[in-house]
Amino acid sequence: MPMPTATPREITFEVPTNPTQFGPDQLRPRFLLGLSMSALSQWFAAYLVPHSRMLHDHLTGCVIGMVRLDSHLPDLRFCDADWLMVTARVEASDSATYLRLSVDIHARLQAGTGPALQVATIRTDLRLLTVVDSQSLTGVPGTLPASLFALFRPEEIYRPDRKAQVLAAKPPEGKELLEPVSWQTPLCRSHCEVADQWLYSELVELLTQSRERLFLRDTTPPEVARIAVGRPVRSVTAVFRRAMYAFETCRITTRVLTGTNGGAGEGEPVIFQHSVDDPARPGACVTAWETVGATT
């Protein structure tokens, strides 16, 4: 008789819903990404050490390399759920240089009862850092200390698939529906975490704003303007290439691309592709794209 296959350890917690978590059509991406960070810290506390102890006692931090958020149909609206159930697991690369966070979010009408409706999945790749200045929390690329790496079970160790990572980080292609549009905003401390480095959930919110700003432009074609604010987001992918810090200038350039069939009809996906950089420094800091679908 074959032995049962071991599975990575998980944590599960429930969160009551409230109106600030939702837009008109679905849960807000910024809120969902914030839930995933809470899930990461809860997993650390349950199976490694609390997040604060990892930073201050073990001089180890982590930054987001790539995140992918997928929203599931039917879209969840505020009246559809009383509770959200969050389940997460964390795995470490065999080199102890990366972590992989997997989060699944379900909705219930009453806590602890079924049936549960899956509403979102989030997959995040994190790069481990060694803290070199405990005051500023400045970090350099590093590895997980041996004492912490030893706490991962064999089934929680993975070997990164470099080819798959490259393909996942490649922006989609399509026919452009209008000329690229750019705008700038200072990166304020309200956009950042404890080390004055951008908070990835807040950055993704800026990308959402960049899409919605197209609705306010007189030169945006009416069909694109309607899509920018009138369709739910099916997925969000963000690839983080270089960090930005408080009070640097955040320039966001947005392109609008057709979906698979080359149109922008009600059944066609449309892609809002964003590039984030600092005008004072060459090269993109973040490349991201949102795929929107038909209203359900």
C-alpha atoms as a PDB file:
ATOM      1  CA  MET A   1       0.000   0.000   0.000  1.00  0.00           C
ATOM      2  CA  PRO A   2       1.561   3.362  -1.001  1.00  0.00           C
ATOM      3  CA  MET A   3       2.423   5.799   1.760  1.00  0.00           C
ATOM      4  CA  PRO A   4       0.383   9.047   1.781  1.00  0.00           C
ATOM      5  CA  THR A   5       2.217  11.993   0.240  1.00  0.00           C
ATOM      6  CA  ALA A   6       3.130  14.695   2.743  1.00  0.00           C
ATOM      7  CA  THR A   7       1.805  18.169   2.005  1.00  0.00           C
ATOM      8  CA  PRO A   8       3.168  21.565   3.089  1.00  0.00           C
ATOM      9  CA  ARG A   9       1.824  22.929   6.357  1.00  0.00           C
ATOM     10  CA  GLU A  10      -0.901  25.550   6.122  1.00  0.00           C
ATOM     11  CA  ILE A  11      -2.467  28.226   8.279  1.00  0.00           C
ATOM     12  CA  THR A  12      -6.128  29.222   8.031  1.00  0.00           C
ATOM     13  CA  PHE A  13      -7.922  32.218   9.494  1.00  0.00           C
ATOM     14  CA  GLU A  14     -11.208  34.025   8.908  1.00  0.00           C
ATOM     15  CA  VAL A  15     -11.889  37.727   8.432  1.00  0.00           C
ATOM     16  CA  PRO A  16     -15.330  39.395   8.620  1.00  0.00           C
ATOM     17  CA  THR A  17     -16.279  41.398   5.549  1.00  0.00           C
ATOM     18  CA  ASN A  18     -16.869  45.145   5.532  1.00  0.00           C
ATOM     19  CA  PRO A  19     -17.639  47.688   2.783  1.00  0.00           C
ATOM     20  CA  THR A  20     -14.067  49.065   2.570  1.00  0.00           C
ATOM     21  CA  GLN A  21     -12.834  45.716   1.203  1.00  0.00           C
ATOM     22  CA  PHE A  22     -15.005  45.901  -1.914  1.00  0.00           C
ATOM     23  CA  GLY A  23     -15.460  47.901  -5.071  1.00  0.00           C
ATOM     24  CA  PRO A  24     -18.780  47.848  -6.946  1.00  0.00           C
ATOM     25  CA  ASP A  25     -17.947  44.600  -8.757  1.00  0.00           C
ATOM     26  CA  GLN A  26     -15.489  42.629  -6.600  1.00  0.00           C
ATOM     27  CA  LEU A  27     -12.980  42.545  -3.748  1.00  0.00           C
ATOM     28  CA  ARG A  28     -10.294  45.186  -4.095  1.00  0.00           C
ATOM     29  CA  PRO A  29      -6.857  43.892  -5.215  1.00  0.00           C
ATOM     30  CA  ARG A  30      -5.095  46.065  -2.630  1.00  0.00           C
ATOM     31  CA  PHE A  31      -7.125  44.463   0.170  1.00  0.00           C
ATOM     32  CA  LEU A  32      -6.458  40.938  -1.105  1.00  0.00           C
ATOM     33  CA  LEU A  33      -2.719  41.578  -1.322  1.00  0.00           C
ATOM     34  CA  GLY A  34      -2.772  42.955   2.209  1.00  0.00           C
ATOM     35  CA  LEU A  35      -4.448  39.731   3.340  1.00  0.00           C
ATOM     36  CA  SER A  36      -1.641  37.735   1.734  1.00  0.00           C
ATOM     37  CA  MET A  37       0.985  39.626   3.737  1.00  0.00           C
ATOM     38  CA  SER A  38      -0.976  38.942   6.929  1.00  0.00           C
ATOM     39  CA  ALA A  39      -1.053  35.274   5.925  1.00  0.00           C
ATOM     40  CA  LEU A  40       2.738  35.251   5.448  1.00  0.00           C
ATOM     41  CA  SER A  41       3.295  36.667   8.924  1.00  0.00           C
ATOM     42  CA  GLN A  42       0.829  34.213  10.476  1.00  0.00           C
ATOM     43  CA  TRP A  43       2.662  31.294   8.829  1.00  0.00           C
ATOM     44  CA  PHE A  44       5.988  32.627  10.105  1.00  0.00           C
ATOM     45  CA  ALA A  45       4.590  32.928  13.642  1.00  0.00           C
ATOM     46  CA  ALA A  46       3.134  29.414  13.556  1.00  0.00           C
ATOM     47  CA  TYR A  47       6.081  27.525  12.053  1.00  0.00           C
ATOM     48  CA  LEU A  48       9.236  29.707  12.153  1.00  0.00           C
ATOM     49  CA  VAL A  49       9.425  32.840  14.297  1.00  0.00           C
ATOM     50  CA  PRO A  50       7.280  36.000  14.371  1.00  0.00           C
ATOM     51  CA  HIS A  51       8.047  38.368  11.507  1.00  0.00           C
ATOM     52  CA  SER A  52       9.516  41.004  13.825  1.00  0.00           C
ATOM     53  CA  ARG A  53      11.899  38.432  15.386  1.00  0.00           C
ATOM     54  CA  MET A  54      13.014  37.339  11.923  1.00  0.00           C
ATOM     55  CA  LEU A  55      14.046  40.912  11.178  1.00  0.00           C
ATOM     56  CA  HIS A  56      15.533  41.962  14.509  1.00  0.00           C
ATOM     57  CA  ASP A  57      16.903  38.703  15.949  1.00  0.00           C
ATOM     58  CA  HIS A  58      17.821  36.818  12.771  1.00  0.00           C
ATOM     59  CA  LEU A  59      18.584  39.915  10.619  1.00  0.00           C
ATOM     60  CA  THR A  60      16.571  38.432   7.769  1.00  0.00           C
ATOM     61  CA  GLY A  61      13.955  40.096   5.612  1.00  0.00           C
ATOM     62  CA  CYS A  62      12.298  39.460   2.264  1.00  0.00           C
ATOM     63  CA  VAL A  63      11.114  41.536  -0.662  1.00  0.00           C
ATOM     64  CA  ILE A  64       8.543  40.769  -3.337  1.00  0.00           C
ATOM     65  CA  GLY A  65       9.982  39.553  -6.627  1.00  0.00           C
ATOM     66  CA  MET A  66       6.720  38.735  -8.384  1.00  0.00           C
ATOM     67  CA  VAL A  67       3.066  38.446  -7.461  1.00  0.00           C
ATOM     68  CA  ARG A  68       0.093  37.038  -9.370  1.00  0.00           C
ATOM     69  CA  LEU A  69      -3.501  37.578  -8.215  1.00  0.00           C
ATOM     70  CA  ASP A  70      -6.328  35.680  -9.909  1.00  0.00           C
ATOM     71  CA  SER A  71      -9.976  36.463  -9.211  1.00  0.00           C
ATOM     72  CA  HIS A  72     -12.448  33.612  -9.667  1.00  0.00           C
ATOM     73  CA  LEU A  73     -15.939  33.693 -11.112  1.00  0.00           C
ATOM     74  CA  PRO A  74     -18.556  34.580 -10.085  1.00  0.00           C
ATOM     75  CA  ASP A  75     -17.293  37.949  -8.829  1.00  0.00           C
ATOM     76  CA  LEU A  76     -17.899  38.406  -5.121  1.00  0.00           C
ATOM     77  CA  ARG A  77     -19.876  41.466  -4.047  1.00  0.00           C
ATOM     78  CA  PHE A  78     -20.340  42.774  -0.520  1.00  0.00           C
ATOM     79  CA  CYS A  79     -23.806  41.288  -0.038  1.00  0.00           C
ATOM     80  CA  ASP A  80     -22.543  37.835  -1.075  1.00  0.00           C
ATOM     81  CA  ALA A  81     -20.361  37.038   1.948  1.00  0.00           C
ATOM     82  CA  ASP A  82     -20.139  37.585   5.701  1.00  0.00           C
ATOM     83  CA  TRP A  83     -16.678  36.053   6.142  1.00  0.00           C
ATOM     84  CA  LEU A  84     -13.536  35.441   4.142  1.00  0.00           C
ATOM     85  CA  MET A  85     -11.465  32.345   4.873  1.00  0.00           C
ATOM     86  CA  VAL A  86      -7.734  32.677   4.114  1.00  0.00           C
ATOM     87  CA  THR A  87      -5.523  29.595   3.707  1.00  0.00           C
ATOM     88  CA  ALA A  88      -1.778  29.931   3.100  1.00  0.00           C
ATOM     89  CA  ARG A  89       1.395  27.903   2.850  1.00  0.00           C
ATOM     90  CA  VAL A  90       5.050  28.929   2.524  1.00  0.00           C
ATOM     91  CA  GLU A  91       7.854  27.015   0.819  1.00  0.00           C
ATOM     92  CA  ALA A  92      11.603  27.690   0.653  1.00  0.00           C
ATOM     93  CA  SER A  93      13.873  27.190  -2.349  1.00  0.00           C
ATOM     94  CA  ASP A  94      16.567  24.535  -2.063  1.00  0.00           C
ATOM     95  CA  SER A  95      19.187  27.316  -2.095  1.00  0.00           C
ATOM     96  CA  ALA A  96      17.476  29.083   0.848  1.00  0.00           C
ATOM     97  CA  THR A  97      17.425  32.300  -1.196  1.00  0.00           C
ATOM     98  CA  TYR A  98      13.717  32.427  -2.102  1.00  0.00           C
ATOM     99  CA  LEU A  99      10.346  31.875  -0.473  1.00  0.00           C
ATOM    100  CA  ARG A 100       7.100  31.041  -2.258  1.00  0.00           C
ATOM    101  CA  LEU A 101       3.804  32.097  -0.700  1.00  0.00           C
ATOM    102  CA  SER A 102       0.531  30.535  -1.883  1.00  0.00           C
ATOM    103  CA  VAL A 103      -2.760  31.980  -0.644  1.00  0.00           C
ATOM    104  CA  ASP A 104      -6.312  30.826  -1.357  1.00  0.00           C
ATOM    105  CA  ILE A 105      -9.279  32.951  -0.325  1.00  0.00           C
ATOM    106  CA  HIS A 106     -12.811  31.594   0.064  1.00  0.00           C
ATOM    107  CA  ALA A 107     -16.055  33.308   1.071  1.00  0.00           C
ATOM    108  CA  ARG A 108     -18.806  32.129   3.421  1.00  0.00           C
ATOM    109  CA  LEU A 109     -22.130  33.528   4.484  1.00  0.00           C
ATOM    110  CA  GLN A 110     -21.497  32.377   8.052  1.00  0.00           C
ATOM    111  CA  ALA A 111     -18.143  31.714   9.751  1.00  0.00           C
ATOM    112  CA  GLY A 112     -17.125  28.069   9.969  1.00  0.00           C
ATOM    113  CA  THR A 113     -19.991  26.771   7.826  1.00  0.00           C
ATOM    114  CA  GLY A 114     -20.244  25.698   4.202  1.00  0.00           C
ATOM    115  CA  PRO A 115     -20.422  25.874   1.373  1.00  0.00           C
ATOM    116  CA  ALA A 116     -17.346  28.002   0.748  1.00  0.00           C
ATOM    117  CA  LEU A 117     -16.884  29.834  -2.552  1.00  0.00           C
ATOM    118  CA  GLN A 118     -13.338  30.323  -3.865  1.00  0.00           C
ATOM    119  CA  VAL A 119     -12.870  33.966  -4.775  1.00  0.00           C
ATOM    120  CA  ALA A 120      -9.121  34.495  -5.296  1.00  0.00           C
ATOM    121  CA  THR A 121      -5.699  32.872  -5.410  1.00  0.00           C
ATOM    122  CA  ILE A 122      -2.419  34.710  -4.890  1.00  0.00           C
ATOM    123  CA  ARG A 123       1.044  33.380  -5.684  1.00  0.00           C
ATOM    124  CA  THR A 124       4.056  35.393  -4.545  1.00  0.00           C
ATOM    125  CA  ASP A 125       7.804  34.888  -5.012  1.00  0.00           C
ATOM    126  CA  LEU A 126       9.971  36.568  -2.364  1.00  0.00           C
ATOM    127  CA  ARG A 127      13.738  37.182  -2.340  1.00  0.00           C
ATOM    128  CA  LEU A 128      15.463  36.801   1.020  1.00  0.00           C
ATOM    129  CA  LEU A 129      17.656  39.622   2.331  1.00  0.00           C
ATOM    130  CA  THR A 130      20.264  39.925   5.047  1.00  0.00           C
ATOM    131  CA  VAL A 131      19.780  43.065   7.150  1.00  0.00           C
ATOM    132  CA  VAL A 132      23.058  45.027   7.326  1.00  0.00           C
ATOM    133  CA  ASP A 133      21.783  48.045   9.298  1.00  0.00           C
ATOM    134  CA  SER A 134      19.355  47.332  12.126  1.00  0.00           C
ATOM    135  CA  GLN A 135      18.306  50.994  12.374  1.00  0.00           C
ATOM    136  CA  SER A 136      17.327  51.585   8.757  1.00  0.00           C
ATOM    137  CA  LEU A 137      16.639  47.880   8.052  1.00  0.00           C
ATOM    138  CA  THR A 138      18.798  48.156   4.930  1.00  0.00           C
ATOM    139  CA  GLY A 139      19.215  44.726   3.352  1.00  0.00           C
ATOM    140  CA  VAL A 140      21.370  43.000   0.741  1.00  0.00           C
ATOM    141  CA  PRO A 141      20.600  39.737  -1.101  1.00  0.00           C
ATOM    142  CA  GLY A 142      21.073  36.880   1.342  1.00  0.00           C
ATOM    143  CA  THR A 143      19.888  33.481   2.468  1.00  0.00           C
ATOM    144  CA  LEU A 144      17.675  32.116   5.189  1.00  0.00           C
ATOM    145  CA  PRO A 145      19.756  31.379   8.320  1.00  0.00           C
ATOM    146  CA  ALA A 146      20.461  27.670   8.748  1.00  0.00           C
ATOM    147  CA  SER A 147      18.487  27.558  12.020  1.00  0.00           C
ATOM    148  CA  LEU A 148      15.353  28.786  10.226  1.00  0.00           C
ATOM    149  CA  PHE A 149      15.880  26.818   7.027  1.00  0.00           C
ATOM    150  CA  ALA A 150      16.048  23.652   9.160  1.00  0.00           C
ATOM    151  CA  LEU A 151      12.475  24.306  10.327  1.00  0.00           C
ATOM    152  CA  PHE A 152      11.115  23.721   6.805  1.00  0.00           C
ATOM    153  CA  ARG A 153       9.986  20.166   6.171  1.00  0.00           C
ATOM    154  CA  PRO A 154      11.231  18.260   3.094  1.00  0.00           C
ATOM    155  CA  GLU A 155       7.871  18.719   1.339  1.00  0.00           C
ATOM    156  CA  GLU A 156       8.222  22.488   1.853  1.00  0.00           C
ATOM    157  CA  ILE A 157      11.486  22.722  -0.113  1.00  0.00           C
ATOM    158  CA  TYR A 158      11.295  23.363  -3.861  1.00  0.00           C
ATOM    159  CA  ARG A 159      13.666  23.844  -6.774  1.00  0.00           C
ATOM    160  CA  PRO A 160      12.809  26.995  -8.769  1.00  0.00           C
ATOM    161  CA  ASP A 161      11.866  26.477 -12.400  1.00  0.00           C
ATOM    162  CA  ARG A 162      13.846  29.273 -14.060  1.00  0.00           C
ATOM    163  CA  LYS A 163      12.244  28.821 -17.481  1.00  0.00           C
ATOM    164  CA  ALA A 164       8.737  29.004 -16.028  1.00  0.00           C
ATOM    165  CA  GLN A 165       9.705  32.105 -14.027  1.00  0.00           C
ATOM    166  CA  VAL A 166      10.977  33.886 -17.146  1.00  0.00           C
ATOM    167  CA  LEU A 167       7.797  33.058 -19.061  1.00  0.00           C
ATOM    168  CA  ALA A 168       5.563  34.181 -16.169  1.00  0.00           C
ATOM    169  CA  ALA A 169       7.406  37.522 -15.989  1.00  0.00           C
ATOM    170  CA  LYS A 170       6.955  38.264 -19.700  1.00  0.00           C
ATOM    171  CA  PRO A 171       4.231  40.867 -20.332  1.00  0.00           C
ATOM    172  CA  PRO A 172       1.454  39.832 -22.725  1.00  0.00           C
ATOM    173  CA  GLU A 173       1.271  41.183 -26.252  1.00  0.00           C
ATOM    174  CA  GLY A 174      -1.611  42.634 -28.221  1.00  0.00           C
ATOM    175  CA  LYS A 175      -2.787  45.458 -30.431  1.00  0.00           C
ATOM    176  CA  GLU A 176      -2.646  48.867 -28.733  1.00  0.00           C
ATOM    177  CA  LEU A 177      -5.972  50.654 -28.338  1.00  0.00           C
ATOM    178  CA  LEU A 178      -4.446  54.093 -27.596  1.00  0.00           C
ATOM    179  CA  GLU A 179      -1.081  55.781 -27.198  1.00  0.00           C
ATOM    180  CA  PRO A 180       0.759  55.114 -23.900  1.00  0.00           C
ATOM    181  CA  VAL A 181      -0.224  57.534 -21.141  1.00  0.00           C
ATOM    182  CA  SER A 182       2.139  58.642 -18.328  1.00  0.00           C
ATOM    183  CA  TRP A 183       1.666  60.471 -15.040  1.00  0.00           C
ATOM    184  CA  GLN A 184       3.807  61.086 -11.971  1.00  0.00           C
ATOM    185  CA  THR A 185       3.297  61.102  -8.232  1.00  0.00           C
ATOM    186  CA  PRO A 186       5.671  61.296  -5.263  1.00  0.00           C
ATOM    187  CA  LEU A 187       6.032  58.041  -3.391  1.00  0.00           C
ATOM    188  CA  CYS A 188       4.882  59.087   0.079  1.00  0.00           C
ATOM    189  CA  ARG A 189       5.408  57.342   3.374  1.00  0.00           C
ATOM    190  CA  SER A 190       1.775  56.264   3.260  1.00  0.00           C
ATOM    191  CA  HIS A 191       2.791  54.118   0.261  1.00  0.00           C
ATOM    192  CA  CYS A 192       5.699  52.519   2.135  1.00  0.00           C
ATOM    193  CA  GLU A 193       6.478  50.001   4.884  1.00  0.00           C
ATOM    194  CA  VAL A 194       8.657  50.259   7.986  1.00  0.00           C
ATOM    195  CA  ALA A 195      11.937  50.699   6.061  1.00  0.00           C
ATOM    196  CA  ASP A 196      10.501  53.537   3.893  1.00  0.00           C
ATOM    197  CA  GLN A 197      10.479  51.125   0.938  1.00  0.00           C
ATOM    198  CA  TRP A 198       7.375  50.895  -1.181  1.00  0.00           C
ATOM    199  CA  LEU A 199       4.635  48.588   0.062  1.00  0.00           C
ATOM    200  CA  TYR A 200       3.686  46.350  -2.833  1.00  0.00           C
ATOM    201  CA  SER A 201      -0.051  46.382  -2.135  1.00  0.00           C
ATOM    202  CA  GLU A 202      -0.037  50.197  -2.191  1.00  0.00           C
ATOM    203  CA  LEU A 203       1.957  50.218  -5.412  1.00  0.00           C
ATOM    204  CA  VAL A 204      -0.589  47.933  -7.069  1.00  0.00           C
ATOM    205  CA  GLU A 205      -3.264  50.391  -5.941  1.00  0.00           C
ATOM    206  CA  LEU A 206      -1.413  53.143  -7.852  1.00  0.00           C
ATOM    207  CA  LEU A 207      -1.598  50.951 -10.942  1.00  0.00           C
ATOM    208  CA  THR A 208      -5.349  50.569 -10.450  1.00  0.00           C
ATOM    209  CA  GLN A 209      -5.576  54.354 -10.241  1.00  0.00           C
ATOM    210  CA  SER A 210      -3.562  54.668 -13.445  1.00  0.00           C
ATOM    211  CA  ARG A 211      -6.130  52.521 -15.256  1.00  0.00           C
ATOM    212  CA  GLU A 212      -9.079  54.458 -13.830  1.00  0.00           C
ATOM    213  CA  ARG A 213      -7.505  57.842 -14.661  1.00  0.00           C
ATOM    214  CA  LEU A 214      -8.008  56.960 -18.323  1.00  0.00           C
ATOM    215  CA  PHE A 215     -11.747  57.416 -17.731  1.00  0.00           C
ATOM    216  CA  LEU A 216     -11.145  61.102 -16.918  1.00  0.00           C
ATOM    217  CA  ARG A 217      -9.121  61.922 -20.050  1.00  0.00           C
ATOM    218  CA  ASP A 218     -10.986  63.649 -22.867  1.00  0.00           C
ATOM    219  CA  THR A 219      -8.754  61.946 -25.445  1.00  0.00           C
ATOM    220  CA  THR A 220      -9.472  58.382 -24.292  1.00  0.00           C
ATOM    221  CA  PRO A 221     -11.792  56.564 -26.758  1.00  0.00           C
ATOM    222  CA  PRO A 222     -15.208  56.077 -25.121  1.00  0.00           C
ATOM    223  CA  GLU A 223     -15.093  52.265 -25.341  1.00  0.00           C
ATOM    224  CA  VAL A 224     -11.685  52.196 -23.592  1.00  0.00           C
ATOM    225  CA  ALA A 225     -12.849  54.668 -20.935  1.00  0.00           C
ATOM    226  CA  ARG A 226     -15.838  52.448 -20.127  1.00  0.00           C
ATOM    227  CA  ILE A 227     -13.676  49.341 -19.908  1.00  0.00           C
ATOM    228  CA  ALA A 228     -11.167  51.088 -17.614  1.00  0.00           C
ATOM    229  CA  VAL A 229     -13.765  51.519 -14.861  1.00  0.00           C
ATOM    230  CA  GLY A 230     -16.651  49.246 -15.831  1.00  0.00           C
ATOM    231  CA  ARG A 231     -15.226  45.743 -15.940  1.00  0.00           C
ATOM    232  CA  PRO A 232     -13.956  43.524 -13.117  1.00  0.00           C
ATOM    233  CA  VAL A 233     -10.270  42.594 -12.947  1.00  0.00           C
ATOM    234  CA  ARG A 234      -9.630  38.927 -13.758  1.00  0.00           C
ATOM    235  CA  SER A 235      -5.923  38.919 -12.867  1.00  0.00           C
ATOM    236  CA  VAL A 236      -3.072  41.166 -11.755  1.00  0.00           C
ATOM    237  CA  THR A 237       0.602  40.337 -12.292  1.00  0.00           C
ATOM    238  CA  ALA A 238       3.460  42.514 -11.026  1.00  0.00           C
ATOM    239  CA  VAL A 239       7.203  41.949 -11.483  1.00  0.00           C
ATOM    240  CA  PHE A 240       9.380  43.987  -9.112  1.00  0.00           C
ATOM    241  CA  ARG A 241      12.792  44.780 -10.581  1.00  0.00           C
ATOM    242  CA  ARG A 242      14.179  47.535  -8.343  1.00  0.00           C
ATOM    243  CA  ALA A 243      12.930  49.075  -5.128  1.00  0.00           C
ATOM    244  CA  MET A 244      11.758  52.652  -4.725  1.00  0.00           C
ATOM    245  CA  TYR A 245      11.758  54.630  -1.504  1.00  0.00           C
ATOM    246  CA  ALA A 246       9.784  57.388   0.194  1.00  0.00           C
ATOM    247  CA  PHE A 247       9.773  60.756  -1.594  1.00  0.00           C
ATOM    248  CA  GLU A 248      11.188  59.455  -4.867  1.00  0.00           C
ATOM    249  CA  THR A 249       9.181  60.240  -8.005  1.00  0.00           C
ATOM    250  CA  CYS A 250       7.011  57.418  -9.255  1.00  0.00           C
ATOM    251  CA  ARG A 251       6.276  57.676 -12.988  1.00  0.00           C
ATOM    252  CA  ILE A 252       3.630  55.277 -14.291  1.00  0.00           C
ATOM    253  CA  THR A 253       3.154  54.636 -18.003  1.00  0.00           C
ATOM    254  CA  THR A 254       0.049  52.713 -19.023  1.00  0.00           C
ATOM    255  CA  ARG A 255      -0.692  50.943 -22.297  1.00  0.00           C
ATOM    256  CA  VAL A 256      -4.013  49.359 -23.276  1.00  0.00           C
ATOM    257  CA  LEU A 257      -3.874  46.170 -25.332  1.00  0.00           C
ATOM    258  CA  THR A 258      -6.536  44.038 -26.959  1.00  0.00           C
ATOM    259  CA  GLY A 259      -7.175  40.500 -25.848  1.00  0.00           C
ATOM    260  CA  THR A 260      -6.823  37.264 -27.735  1.00  0.00           C
ATOM    261  CA  ASN A 261      -9.231  38.031 -30.591  1.00  0.00           C
ATOM    262  CA  GLY A 262      -7.982  41.524 -31.348  1.00  0.00           C
ATOM    263  CA  GLY A 263     -11.112  43.385 -30.245  1.00  0.00           C
ATOM    264  CA  ALA A 264     -12.572  45.091 -27.204  1.00  0.00           C
ATOM    265  CA  GLY A 265     -16.071  43.647 -27.245  1.00  0.00           C
ATOM    266  CA  GLU A 266     -17.996  42.633 -24.146  1.00  0.00           C
ATOM    267  CA  GLY A 267     -16.593  39.108 -24.229  1.00  0.00           C
ATOM    268  CA  GLU A 268     -12.994  40.086 -25.003  1.00  0.00           C
ATOM    269  CA  PRO A 269     -10.243  40.396 -22.383  1.00  0.00           C
ATOM    270  CA  VAL A 270      -8.408  43.742 -22.357  1.00  0.00           C
ATOM    271  CA  ILE A 271      -4.973  44.204 -20.822  1.00  0.00           C
ATOM    272  CA  PHE A 272      -3.818  47.332 -19.000  1.00  0.00           C
ATOM    273  CA  GLN A 273      -0.035  47.146 -18.953  1.00  0.00           C
ATOM    274  CA  HIS A 274       1.906  49.402 -16.580  1.00  0.00           C
ATOM    275  CA  SER A 275       5.574  50.329 -16.289  1.00  0.00           C
ATOM    276  CA  VAL A 276       6.825  52.130 -13.181  1.00  0.00           C
ATOM    277  CA  ASP A 277      10.111  54.011 -13.075  1.00  0.00           C
ATOM    278  CA  ASP A 278      11.871  56.975 -11.487  1.00  0.00           C
ATOM    279  CA  PRO A 279      12.666  59.710 -14.060  1.00  0.00           C
ATOM    280  CA  ALA A 280      15.961  60.342 -12.249  1.00  0.00           C
ATOM    281  CA  ARG A 281      17.172  56.753 -12.812  1.00  0.00           C
ATOM    282  CA  PRO A 282      17.188  54.626 -15.976  1.00  0.00           C
ATOM    283  CA  GLY A 283      15.273  51.375 -16.206  1.00  0.00           C
ATOM    284  CA  ALA A 284      11.881  50.116 -15.072  1.00  0.00           C
ATOM    285  CA  CYS A 285      11.288  49.463 -11.374  1.00  0.00           C
ATOM    286  CA  VAL A 286       8.073  47.492 -11.857  1.00  0.00           C
ATOM    287  CA  THR A 287       6.342  45.921 -14.831  1.00  0.00           C
ATOM    288  CA  ALA A 288       2.714  44.956 -14.220  1.00  0.00           C
ATOM    289  CA  TRP A 289      -0.450  44.129 -16.085  1.00  0.00           C
ATOM    290  CA  GLU A 290      -4.138  43.834 -15.259  1.00  0.00           C
ATOM    291  CA  THR A 291      -6.443  41.676 -17.336  1.00  0.00           C
ATOM    292  CA  VAL A 292     -10.080  42.767 -17.239  1.00  0.00           C
ATOM    293  CA  GLY A 293     -13.006  40.726 -18.492  1.00  0.00           C
ATOM    294  CA  ALA A 294     -16.680  41.090 -19.163  1.00  0.00           C
ATOM    295  CA  THR A 295     -19.002  42.220 -16.394  1.00  0.00           C
ATOM    296  CA  THR A 296     -20.784  39.245 -14.796  1.00  0.00           C
END
